[in-house]
Amino acid sequence: MKIYAITLFSNKERYNHINSHLKKLHLDYKFIEAIDKKDISDDDMKLYYNISNINELPDFINKGNTANKISKLRAHTKIFLSSNEKLLLSKMT
């Protein structure tokens, strides 16, 4: 079973830590680049949540968790479309 790790490629320390850990375990893995919250615009937020005013969003919805949601959605779509294998989804913190 292949492991898919979603991470920001710009966060070299985290990328290297995950890469090192998975190599030591001799696992079959692939990295999928996450979306950085810095790359999410107000227009992206309005489009994603189908709203006309960014101020309509509750305080707990922000660019960080939106980038996380979009990253997971893109990764899951990519994985499901490219594999006929059984999948186990897990979050590494």
PDB file of N, CA and C in Angstrom:
ATOM      1  N   MET A   1       0.856  -1.178   0.000  1.00  0.00           N
ATOM      2  CA  MET A   1       0.000   0.000   0.000  1.00  0.00           C
ATOM      3  C   MET A   1       0.899   1.239   0.000  1.00  0.00           C
ATOM      4  N   LYS A   2       0.575   2.178  -0.849  1.00  0.00           N
ATOM      5  CA  LYS A   2       1.349   3.416  -0.945  1.00  0.00           C
ATOM      6  C   LYS A   2       0.868   4.414   0.102  1.00  0.00           C
ATOM      7  N   ILE A   3       1.824   5.139   0.678  1.00  0.00           N
ATOM      8  CA  ILE A   3       1.549   6.213   1.629  1.00  0.00           C
ATOM      9  C   ILE A   3       1.587   7.530   0.859  1.00  0.00           C
ATOM     10  N   TYR A   4       0.593   8.371   1.065  1.00  0.00           N
ATOM     11  CA  TYR A   4       0.572   9.709   0.474  1.00  0.00           C
ATOM     12  C   TYR A   4       0.688  10.717   1.606  1.00  0.00           C
ATOM     13  N   ALA A   5       1.710  11.540   1.540  1.00  0.00           N
ATOM     14  CA  ALA A   5       1.941  12.555   2.570  1.00  0.00           C
ATOM     15  C   ALA A   5       1.676  13.931   1.970  1.00  0.00           C
ATOM     16  N   ILE A   6       0.729  14.635   2.552  1.00  0.00           N
ATOM     17  CA  ILE A   6       0.396  15.988   2.106  1.00  0.00           C
ATOM     18  C   ILE A   6       1.195  16.956   2.966  1.00  0.00           C
ATOM     19  N   THR A   7       2.022  17.766   2.328  1.00  0.00           N
ATOM     20  CA  THR A   7       2.834  18.711   3.090  1.00  0.00           C
ATOM     21  C   THR A   7       3.190  19.919   2.232  1.00  0.00           C
ATOM     22  N   LEU A   8       3.506  21.013   2.911  1.00  0.00           N
ATOM     23  CA  LEU A   8       3.984  22.198   2.201  1.00  0.00           C
ATOM     24  C   LEU A   8       5.432  21.962   1.791  1.00  0.00           C
ATOM     25  N   PHE A   9       5.720  22.037   0.521  1.00  0.00           N
ATOM     26  CA  PHE A   9       7.091  21.846   0.075  1.00  0.00           C
ATOM     27  C   PHE A   9       7.984  22.987   0.553  1.00  0.00           C
ATOM     28  N   SER A  10       7.387  24.135   0.821  1.00  0.00           N
ATOM     29  CA  SER A  10       8.165  25.285   1.299  1.00  0.00           C
ATOM     30  C   SER A  10       8.622  25.110   2.745  1.00  0.00           C
ATOM     31  N   ASN A  11       7.990  24.212   3.492  1.00  0.00           N
ATOM     32  CA  ASN A  11       8.392  23.936   4.871  1.00  0.00           C
ATOM     33  C   ASN A  11       9.400  22.785   4.834  1.00  0.00           C
ATOM     34  N   LYS A  12      10.645  23.136   4.523  1.00  0.00           N
ATOM     35  CA  LYS A  12      11.696  22.135   4.302  1.00  0.00           C
ATOM     36  C   LYS A  12      11.936  21.259   5.526  1.00  0.00           C
ATOM     37  N   GLU A  13      11.872  21.851   6.725  1.00  0.00           N
ATOM     38  CA  GLU A  13      12.126  21.078   7.938  1.00  0.00           C
ATOM     39  C   GLU A  13      11.097  19.956   8.102  1.00  0.00           C
ATOM     40  N   ARG A  14       9.837  20.298   7.934  1.00  0.00           N
ATOM     41  CA  ARG A  14       8.773  19.286   8.065  1.00  0.00           C
ATOM     42  C   ARG A  14       8.866  18.256   6.941  1.00  0.00           C
ATOM     43  N   TYR A  15       9.092  18.723   5.721  1.00  0.00           N
ATOM     44  CA  TYR A  15       9.235  17.824   4.576  1.00  0.00           C
ATOM     45  C   TYR A  15      10.366  16.820   4.829  1.00  0.00           C
ATOM     46  N   ASN A  16      11.522  17.328   5.256  1.00  0.00           N
ATOM     47  CA  ASN A  16      12.673  16.460   5.505  1.00  0.00           C
ATOM     48  C   ASN A  16      12.410  15.480   6.647  1.00  0.00           C
ATOM     49  N   HIS A  17      11.709  15.932   7.680  1.00  0.00           N
ATOM     50  CA  HIS A  17      11.383  15.057   8.808  1.00  0.00           C
ATOM     51  C   HIS A  17      10.488  13.900   8.356  1.00  0.00           C
ATOM     52  N   ILE A  18       9.446  14.214   7.623  1.00  0.00           N
ATOM     53  CA  ILE A  18       8.529  13.171   7.142  1.00  0.00           C
ATOM     54  C   ILE A  18       9.255  12.236   6.179  1.00  0.00           C
ATOM     55  N   ASN A  19      10.034  12.806   5.272  1.00  0.00           N
ATOM     56  CA  ASN A  19      10.779  12.022   4.293  1.00  0.00           C
ATOM     57  C   ASN A  19      11.736  11.050   4.991  1.00  0.00           C
ATOM     58  N   SER A  20      12.466  11.548   5.965  1.00  0.00           N
ATOM     59  CA  SER A  20      13.413  10.722   6.712  1.00  0.00           C
ATOM     60  C   SER A  20      12.697   9.591   7.451  1.00  0.00           C
ATOM     61  N   HIS A  21      11.601   9.921   8.087  1.00  0.00           N
ATOM     62  CA  HIS A  21      10.835   8.930   8.855  1.00  0.00           C
ATOM     63  C   HIS A  21      10.294   7.824   7.947  1.00  0.00           C
ATOM     64  N   LEU A  22       9.720   8.188   6.826  1.00  0.00           N
ATOM     65  CA  LEU A  22       9.148   7.190   5.923  1.00  0.00           C
ATOM     66  C   LEU A  22      10.233   6.338   5.268  1.00  0.00           C
ATOM     67  N   LYS A  23      11.389   6.940   4.980  1.00  0.00           N
ATOM     68  CA  LYS A  23      12.505   6.174   4.415  1.00  0.00           C
ATOM     69  C   LYS A  23      12.994   5.117   5.398  1.00  0.00           C
ATOM     70  N   LYS A  24      13.116   5.502   6.672  1.00  0.00           N
ATOM     71  CA  LYS A  24      13.575   4.554   7.700  1.00  0.00           C
ATOM     72  C   LYS A  24      12.642   3.354   7.810  1.00  0.00           C
ATOM     73  N   LEU A  25      11.374   3.584   7.574  1.00  0.00           N
ATOM     74  CA  LEU A  25      10.382   2.512   7.661  1.00  0.00           C
ATOM     75  C   LEU A  25      10.279   1.698   6.370  1.00  0.00           C
ATOM     76  N   HIS A  26      11.043   2.103   5.339  1.00  0.00           N
ATOM     77  CA  HIS A  26      11.056   1.415   4.038  1.00  0.00           C
ATOM     78  C   HIS A  26       9.653   1.291   3.450  1.00  0.00           C
ATOM     79  N   LEU A  27       8.923   2.390   3.518  1.00  0.00           N
ATOM     80  CA  LEU A  27       7.559   2.412   3.001  1.00  0.00           C
ATOM     81  C   LEU A  27       7.524   2.986   1.592  1.00  0.00           C
ATOM     82  N   ASP A  28       6.558   2.552   0.837  1.00  0.00           N
ATOM     83  CA  ASP A  28       6.303   3.102  -0.494  1.00  0.00           C
ATOM     84  C   ASP A  28       5.466   4.366  -0.292  1.00  0.00           C
ATOM     85  N   TYR A  29       6.025   5.522  -0.626  1.00  0.00           N
ATOM     86  CA  TYR A  29       5.316   6.772  -0.349  1.00  0.00           C
ATOM     87  C   TYR A  29       5.510   7.786  -1.461  1.00  0.00           C
ATOM     88  N   LYS A  30       4.631   8.750  -1.435  1.00  0.00           N
ATOM     89  CA  LYS A  30       4.675   9.843  -2.405  1.00  0.00           C
ATOM     90  C   LYS A  30       4.197  11.104  -1.704  1.00  0.00           C
ATOM     91  N   PHE A  31       4.857  12.215  -2.003  1.00  0.00           N
ATOM     92  CA  PHE A  31       4.437  13.498  -1.450  1.00  0.00           C
ATOM     93  C   PHE A  31       3.451  14.178  -2.389  1.00  0.00           C
ATOM     94  N   ILE A  32       2.474  14.829  -1.786  1.00  0.00           N
ATOM     95  CA  ILE A  32       1.538  15.671  -2.517  1.00  0.00           C
ATOM     96  C   ILE A  32       1.651  17.064  -1.912  1.00  0.00           C
ATOM     97  N   GLU A  33       1.879  18.044  -2.762  1.00  0.00           N
ATOM     98  CA  GLU A  33       2.086  19.405  -2.264  1.00  0.00           C
ATOM     99  C   GLU A  33       0.784  20.021  -1.758  1.00  0.00           C
ATOM    100  N   ALA A  34       0.856  20.539  -0.548  1.00  0.00           N
ATOM    101  CA  ALA A  34      -0.284  21.233   0.057  1.00  0.00           C
ATOM    102  C   ALA A  34      -0.346  22.665  -0.461  1.00  0.00           C
ATOM    103  N   ILE A  35      -1.490  23.272  -0.303  1.00  0.00           N
ATOM    104  CA  ILE A  35      -1.673  24.678  -0.655  1.00  0.00           C
ATOM    105  C   ILE A  35      -1.325  25.522   0.562  1.00  0.00           C
ATOM    106  N   ASP A  36      -0.513  26.527   0.352  1.00  0.00           N
ATOM    107  CA  ASP A  36      -0.120  27.432   1.435  1.00  0.00           C
ATOM    108  C   ASP A  36      -1.218  28.466   1.652  1.00  0.00           C
ATOM    109  N   LYS A  37      -1.521  28.731   2.909  1.00  0.00           N
ATOM    110  CA  LYS A  37      -2.562  29.728   3.206  1.00  0.00           C
ATOM    111  C   LYS A  37      -2.198  31.098   2.644  1.00  0.00           C
ATOM    112  N   LYS A  38      -0.908  31.352   2.440  1.00  0.00           N
ATOM    113  CA  LYS A  38      -0.467  32.630   1.873  1.00  0.00           C
ATOM    114  C   LYS A  38      -0.915  32.775   0.417  1.00  0.00           C
ATOM    115  N   ASP A  39      -1.215  31.637  -0.209  1.00  0.00           N
ATOM    116  CA  ASP A  39      -1.631  31.650  -1.611  1.00  0.00           C
ATOM    117  C   ASP A  39      -3.148  31.717  -1.788  1.00  0.00           C
ATOM    118  N   ILE A  40      -3.887  31.758  -0.687  1.00  0.00           N
ATOM    119  CA  ILE A  40      -5.346  31.850  -0.736  1.00  0.00           C
ATOM    120  C   ILE A  40      -5.749  33.326  -0.663  1.00  0.00           C
ATOM    121  N   SER A  41      -6.454  33.794  -1.668  1.00  0.00           N
ATOM    122  CA  SER A  41      -6.896  35.194  -1.697  1.00  0.00           C
ATOM    123  C   SER A  41      -8.323  35.309  -1.162  1.00  0.00           C
ATOM    124  N   ASP A  42      -8.742  36.527  -0.917  1.00  0.00           N
ATOM    125  CA  ASP A  42     -10.136  36.751  -0.520  1.00  0.00           C
ATOM    126  C   ASP A  42     -11.088  36.263  -1.613  1.00  0.00           C
ATOM    127  N   ASP A  43     -10.707  36.473  -2.869  1.00  0.00           N
ATOM    128  CA  ASP A  43     -11.543  35.997  -3.978  1.00  0.00           C
ATOM    129  C   ASP A  43     -11.644  34.468  -3.985  1.00  0.00           C
ATOM    130  N   ASP A  44     -10.537  33.786  -3.673  1.00  0.00           N
ATOM    131  CA  ASP A  44     -10.576  32.326  -3.566  1.00  0.00           C
ATOM    132  C   ASP A  44     -11.557  31.893  -2.482  1.00  0.00           C
ATOM    133  N   MET A  45     -11.528  32.598  -1.356  1.00  0.00           N
ATOM    134  CA  MET A  45     -12.419  32.275  -0.235  1.00  0.00           C
ATOM    135  C   MET A  45     -13.878  32.461  -0.649  1.00  0.00           C
ATOM    136  N   LYS A  46     -14.154  33.562  -1.329  1.00  0.00           N
ATOM    137  CA  LYS A  46     -15.530  33.830  -1.763  1.00  0.00           C
ATOM    138  C   LYS A  46     -16.010  32.757  -2.736  1.00  0.00           C
ATOM    139  N   LEU A  47     -15.136  32.364  -3.650  1.00  0.00           N
ATOM    140  CA  LEU A  47     -15.485  31.337  -4.631  1.00  0.00           C
ATOM    141  C   LEU A  47     -15.683  29.977  -3.953  1.00  0.00           C
ATOM    142  N   TYR A  48     -14.778  29.605  -3.071  1.00  0.00           N
ATOM    143  CA  TYR A  48     -14.842  28.293  -2.410  1.00  0.00           C
ATOM    144  C   TYR A  48     -16.109  28.143  -1.571  1.00  0.00           C
ATOM    145  N   TYR A  49     -16.462  29.214  -0.850  1.00  0.00           N
ATOM    146  CA  TYR A  49     -17.633  29.150   0.030  1.00  0.00           C
ATOM    147  C   TYR A  49     -18.903  29.711  -0.617  1.00  0.00           C
ATOM    148  N   ASN A  50     -18.794  30.119  -1.885  1.00  0.00           N
ATOM    149  CA  ASN A  50     -19.940  30.626  -2.639  1.00  0.00           C
ATOM    150  C   ASN A  50     -20.633  31.790  -1.918  1.00  0.00           C
ATOM    151  N   ILE A  51     -19.825  32.787  -1.582  1.00  0.00           N
ATOM    152  CA  ILE A  51     -20.337  33.990  -0.913  1.00  0.00           C
ATOM    153  C   ILE A  51     -19.868  35.213  -1.686  1.00  0.00           C
ATOM    154  N   SER A  52     -20.503  36.352  -1.460  1.00  0.00           N
ATOM    155  CA  SER A  52     -20.109  37.574  -2.161  1.00  0.00           C
ATOM    156  C   SER A  52     -19.255  38.492  -1.287  1.00  0.00           C
ATOM    157  N   ASN A  53     -19.308  38.304   0.025  1.00  0.00           N
ATOM    158  CA  ASN A  53     -18.571  39.168   0.947  1.00  0.00           C
ATOM    159  C   ASN A  53     -17.798  38.299   1.932  1.00  0.00           C
ATOM    160  N   ILE A  54     -16.506  38.502   1.998  1.00  0.00           N
ATOM    161  CA  ILE A  54     -15.641  37.709   2.877  1.00  0.00           C
ATOM    162  C   ILE A  54     -16.060  37.823   4.339  1.00  0.00           C
ATOM    163  N   ASN A  55     -16.685  38.930   4.694  1.00  0.00           N
ATOM    164  CA  ASN A  55     -17.113  39.145   6.079  1.00  0.00           C
ATOM    165  C   ASN A  55     -18.322  38.293   6.472  1.00  0.00           C
ATOM    166  N   GLU A  56     -18.914  37.596   5.510  1.00  0.00           N
ATOM    167  CA  GLU A  56     -20.034  36.703   5.803  1.00  0.00           C
ATOM    168  C   GLU A  56     -19.577  35.424   6.506  1.00  0.00           C
ATOM    169  N   LEU A  57     -18.287  35.144   6.436  1.00  0.00           N
ATOM    170  CA  LEU A  57     -17.773  33.910   7.026  1.00  0.00           C
ATOM    171  C   LEU A  57     -17.646  34.029   8.536  1.00  0.00           C
ATOM    172  N   PRO A  58     -17.948  32.952   9.263  1.00  0.00           N
ATOM    173  CA  PRO A  58     -17.738  32.976  10.715  1.00  0.00           C
ATOM    174  C   PRO A  58     -16.236  33.022  11.028  1.00  0.00           C
ATOM    175  N   ASP A  59     -15.897  33.465  12.215  1.00  0.00           N
ATOM    176  CA  ASP A  59     -14.496  33.643  12.604  1.00  0.00           C
ATOM    177  C   ASP A  59     -13.670  32.364  12.525  1.00  0.00           C
ATOM    178  N   PHE A  60     -14.297  31.215  12.739  1.00  0.00           N
ATOM    179  CA  PHE A  60     -13.527  29.970  12.763  1.00  0.00           C
ATOM    180  C   PHE A  60     -13.150  29.474  11.368  1.00  0.00           C
ATOM    181  N   ILE A  61     -13.661  30.107  10.338  1.00  0.00           N
ATOM    182  CA  ILE A  61     -13.261  29.765   8.972  1.00  0.00           C
ATOM    183  C   ILE A  61     -12.251  30.812   8.519  1.00  0.00           C
ATOM    184  N   ASN A  62     -11.044  30.348   8.224  1.00  0.00           N
ATOM    185  CA  ASN A  62      -9.981  31.269   7.822  1.00  0.00           C
ATOM    186  C   ASN A  62      -9.186  30.678   6.655  1.00  0.00           C
ATOM    187  N   LYS A  63      -8.209  31.421   6.195  1.00  0.00           N
ATOM    188  CA  LYS A  63      -7.430  30.982   5.035  1.00  0.00           C
ATOM    189  C   LYS A  63      -6.615  29.727   5.332  1.00  0.00           C
ATOM    190  N   GLY A  64      -6.161  29.593   6.570  1.00  0.00           N
ATOM    191  CA  GLY A  64      -5.375  28.416   6.941  1.00  0.00           C
ATOM    192  C   GLY A  64      -6.171  27.128   6.838  1.00  0.00           C
ATOM    193  N   ASN A  65      -7.352  27.109   7.474  1.00  0.00           N
ATOM    194  CA  ASN A  65      -8.119  25.861   7.410  1.00  0.00           C
ATOM    195  C   ASN A  65      -8.743  25.654   6.032  1.00  0.00           C
ATOM    196  N   THR A  66      -8.946  26.721   5.289  1.00  0.00           N
ATOM    197  CA  THR A  66      -9.450  26.579   3.918  1.00  0.00           C
ATOM    198  C   THR A  66      -8.372  25.972   3.023  1.00  0.00           C
ATOM    199  N   ALA A  67      -7.134  26.434   3.160  1.00  0.00           N
ATOM    200  CA  ALA A  67      -6.022  25.852   2.397  1.00  0.00           C
ATOM    201  C   ALA A  67      -5.882  24.371   2.728  1.00  0.00           C
ATOM    202  N   ASN A  68      -6.048  24.030   3.996  1.00  0.00           N
ATOM    203  CA  ASN A  68      -5.973  22.639   4.434  1.00  0.00           C
ATOM    204  C   ASN A  68      -7.077  21.803   3.782  1.00  0.00           C
ATOM    205  N   LYS A  69      -8.296  22.311   3.790  1.00  0.00           N
ATOM    206  CA  LYS A  69      -9.426  21.586   3.187  1.00  0.00           C
ATOM    207  C   LYS A  69      -9.220  21.377   1.692  1.00  0.00           C
ATOM    208  N   ILE A  70      -8.786  22.434   1.009  1.00  0.00           N
ATOM    209  CA  ILE A  70      -8.584  22.332  -0.438  1.00  0.00           C
ATOM    210  C   ILE A  70      -7.444  21.361  -0.745  1.00  0.00           C
ATOM    211  N   SER A  71      -6.379  21.405   0.053  1.00  0.00           N
ATOM    212  CA  SER A  71      -5.252  20.488  -0.134  1.00  0.00           C
ATOM    213  C   SER A  71      -5.706  19.041  -0.008  1.00  0.00           C
ATOM    214  N   LYS A  72      -6.491  18.756   1.019  1.00  0.00           N
ATOM    215  CA  LYS A  72      -6.980  17.387   1.222  1.00  0.00           C
ATOM    216  C   LYS A  72      -7.910  16.961   0.094  1.00  0.00           C
ATOM    217  N   LEU A  73      -8.787  17.851  -0.325  1.00  0.00           N
ATOM    218  CA  LEU A  73      -9.711  17.529  -1.409  1.00  0.00           C
ATOM    219  C   LEU A  73      -8.954  17.212  -2.697  1.00  0.00           C
ATOM    220  N   ARG A  74      -7.978  18.054  -3.032  1.00  0.00           N
ATOM    221  CA  ARG A  74      -7.173  17.806  -4.236  1.00  0.00           C
ATOM    222  C   ARG A  74      -6.405  16.498  -4.129  1.00  0.00           C
ATOM    223  N   ALA A  75      -5.832  16.240  -2.954  1.00  0.00           N
ATOM    224  CA  ALA A  75      -5.061  15.009  -2.763  1.00  0.00           C
ATOM    225  C   ALA A  75      -5.958  13.780  -2.862  1.00  0.00           C
ATOM    226  N   HIS A  76      -7.099  13.827  -2.190  1.00  0.00           N
ATOM    227  CA  HIS A  76      -8.013  12.679  -2.228  1.00  0.00           C
ATOM    228  C   HIS A  76      -8.488  12.416  -3.651  1.00  0.00           C
ATOM    229  N   THR A  77      -8.798  13.461  -4.374  1.00  0.00           N
ATOM    230  CA  THR A  77      -9.231  13.307  -5.763  1.00  0.00           C
ATOM    231  C   THR A  77      -8.130  12.663  -6.594  1.00  0.00           C
ATOM    232  N   LYS A  78      -6.911  13.162  -6.435  1.00  0.00           N
ATOM    233  CA  LYS A  78      -5.772  12.627  -7.188  1.00  0.00           C
ATOM    234  C   LYS A  78      -5.536  11.153  -6.847  1.00  0.00           C
ATOM    235  N   ILE A  79      -5.596  10.827  -5.568  1.00  0.00           N
ATOM    236  CA  ILE A  79      -5.358   9.451  -5.130  1.00  0.00           C
ATOM    237  C   ILE A  79      -6.455   8.522  -5.647  1.00  0.00           C
ATOM    238  N   PHE A  80      -7.698   8.909  -5.470  1.00  0.00           N
ATOM    239  CA  PHE A  80      -8.813   8.058  -5.886  1.00  0.00           C
ATOM    240  C   PHE A  80      -8.841   7.845  -7.397  1.00  0.00           C
ATOM    241  N   LEU A  81      -8.473   8.863  -8.157  1.00  0.00           N
ATOM    242  CA  LEU A  81      -8.498   8.738  -9.610  1.00  0.00           C
ATOM    243  C   LEU A  81      -7.323   7.939 -10.155  1.00  0.00           C
ATOM    244  N   SER A  82      -6.247   7.826  -9.377  1.00  0.00           N
ATOM    245  CA  SER A  82      -5.048   7.167  -9.883  1.00  0.00           C
ATOM    246  C   SER A  82      -4.825   5.777  -9.306  1.00  0.00           C
ATOM    247  N   SER A  83      -5.736   5.287  -8.486  1.00  0.00           N
ATOM    248  CA  SER A  83      -5.475   4.023  -7.810  1.00  0.00           C
ATOM    249  C   SER A  83      -6.723   3.150  -7.745  1.00  0.00           C
ATOM    250  N   ASN A  84      -6.492   1.869  -7.942  1.00  0.00           N
ATOM    251  CA  ASN A  84      -7.560   0.890  -7.752  1.00  0.00           C
ATOM    252  C   ASN A  84      -7.374   0.135  -6.441  1.00  0.00           C
ATOM    253  N   GLU A  85      -6.345   0.505  -5.696  1.00  0.00           N
ATOM    254  CA  GLU A  85      -6.038  -0.176  -4.446  1.00  0.00           C
ATOM    255  C   GLU A  85      -6.930   0.318  -3.318  1.00  0.00           C
ATOM    256  N   LYS A  86      -6.964  -0.474  -2.247  1.00  0.00           N
ATOM    257  CA  LYS A  86      -7.651  -0.039  -1.037  1.00  0.00           C
ATOM    258  C   LYS A  86      -6.842   1.084  -0.414  1.00  0.00           C
ATOM    259  N   LEU A  87      -7.536   2.015   0.206  1.00  0.00           N
ATOM    260  CA  LEU A  87      -6.868   3.178   0.778  1.00  0.00           C
ATOM    261  C   LEU A  87      -7.152   3.292   2.261  1.00  0.00           C
ATOM    262  N   LEU A  88      -6.150   3.759   2.982  1.00  0.00           N
ATOM    263  CA  LEU A  88      -6.297   4.107   4.384  1.00  0.00           C
ATOM    264  C   LEU A  88      -5.848   5.549   4.517  1.00  0.00           C
ATOM    265  N   LEU A  89      -6.746   6.416   4.944  1.00  0.00           N
ATOM    266  CA  LEU A  89      -6.428   7.829   5.098  1.00  0.00           C
ATOM    267  C   LEU A  89      -6.148   8.113   6.561  1.00  0.00           C
ATOM    268  N   SER A  90      -5.040   8.795   6.814  1.00  0.00           N
ATOM    269  CA  SER A  90      -4.648   9.115   8.182  1.00  0.00           C
ATOM    270  C   SER A  90      -3.999  10.481   8.200  1.00  0.00           C
ATOM    271  N   LYS A  91      -4.043  11.131   9.347  1.00  0.00           N
ATOM    272  CA  LYS A  91      -3.441  12.456   9.486  1.00  0.00           C
ATOM    273  C   LYS A  91      -2.196  12.344  10.349  1.00  0.00           C
ATOM    274  N   MET A  92      -1.084  12.867   9.833  1.00  0.00           N
ATOM    275  CA  MET A  92       0.156  12.913  10.611  1.00  0.00           C
ATOM    276  C   MET A  92       0.298  14.308  11.184  1.00  0.00           C
ATOM    277  N   THR A  93       0.506  14.415  12.470  1.00  0.00           N
ATOM    278  CA  THR A  93       0.686  15.731  13.080  1.00  0.00           C
ATOM    279  C   THR A  93       2.072  15.881  13.622  1.00  0.00           C
TER     280      THR A  93
END
